[in-house]
Amino acid sequence: MNIGSYHTNNKLILAPMASITDHSFRQVCREEGCGLVFSEMISARAMLEYPPEKLDKLAFLIRQDKPIAVQLFGSDRQVMGRAAEVAESYLQADIIDINMGCPARKILKNKEGGWLLRDINHAALIMEELVQRVNIPVSIKIRKGWEDCQTALEISRLAEEKGIKAVTIHGRTVEQGFSGQADWEIIKKIKEKINITVIGNGDVFTPYDAKRMLDYCGCDGVMIARGALGNPWIFPRTLSLLEYGVATPPPSFEEKMEKALHHLELLLTFKGEARATKEMRKHAHWYVKYAKGANAIRKEINKATTRQDFIEIFNKILAGQ
């Protein structure tokens, strides 16, 4: 799949997810065959105000993830432009992505994220600014729009006109958040109407969902979000389905616990035990989702504060399966 001058290894992309797609999770998914990863969305203004040590750490982690798209959010075109330059030169991003779909209230109240789908002229200025500022491809991630203002097709056409190289469409409105069902019709419609790369997003939880989206929408790629939580195997299983017509079997609990421990070790390396174990709790919940006695296990996970706590929990799960 091509995004401007950049060619990815395959059609499968890890979505940007706040407080989830950090370096450790990106690495876990990349090891399983994900073709392109996205950073968590980063405030353009905050990036420009980071102290050197924080920006150095961010740069170090992003440079290790190649290829990577750095997703920025903001509403000031000049600030967005300067942040894009930093992402290109200092973070060494391969692609800059503009968030135009985040439904979080604190983002919307600042007229950022999904709000831009209401202000097409301003969205156009931001896209134009970033395309002019950097030499790497610029993409956008959008939603259908708002219930009373569904502008996805109009924004996508404008994106192509302004030099944007790829559009990712989440088939929900801003008001829907992550509830209800994603509308794949809008993805299909946009793919039929524009000539740049189109990536589908929304309700892809299995390899078969990904294949159905590619077949039905005709999109160039599939972005996977919640379907990858505790389940990085969705990438190799989907690749197998696309190439050979058969998805590889789901992982055993032994494989799940091995991966969970590996994930924890990565977090420990970059964040230290106190922070790493706290952040691992949510991931552990996803890894143990279908384990016997999951409710009791979750209570133990919520109390875990050390590496050894998690090792004991994972061993207990294996003994009980």
Foldseek 3Di string as FASTA:
>chain_A
DDQDPDDWPAFEEADADPLQPFLLLLVLLVVLPGGEYEYHEDELQVQVVDDPVVVLLLLVSLVVGPQYEYEYKDQDLVSLLVSLLCCCPRSVYQEYEYACAALDPVQVVRCMHVNCLVVLVSVLSNLLSNVVRDDHAYEYEHELHAPVRRCVLVSLVSNVVSRHQEYEYFQDYSVCRQDDFRDLVVLLVSVVPDDHAYEYETDDQALVSQVCSCVVSVGRHYHYYPSCQLNSNRNQQNVCCVPPVGGDDGDDLVVSLVSLLSSLVVLCVSPNQQVSLCSSLRSVLSSCVPFPPSVVLNVQSNVDRGSVSSVVSSVVSVVRD
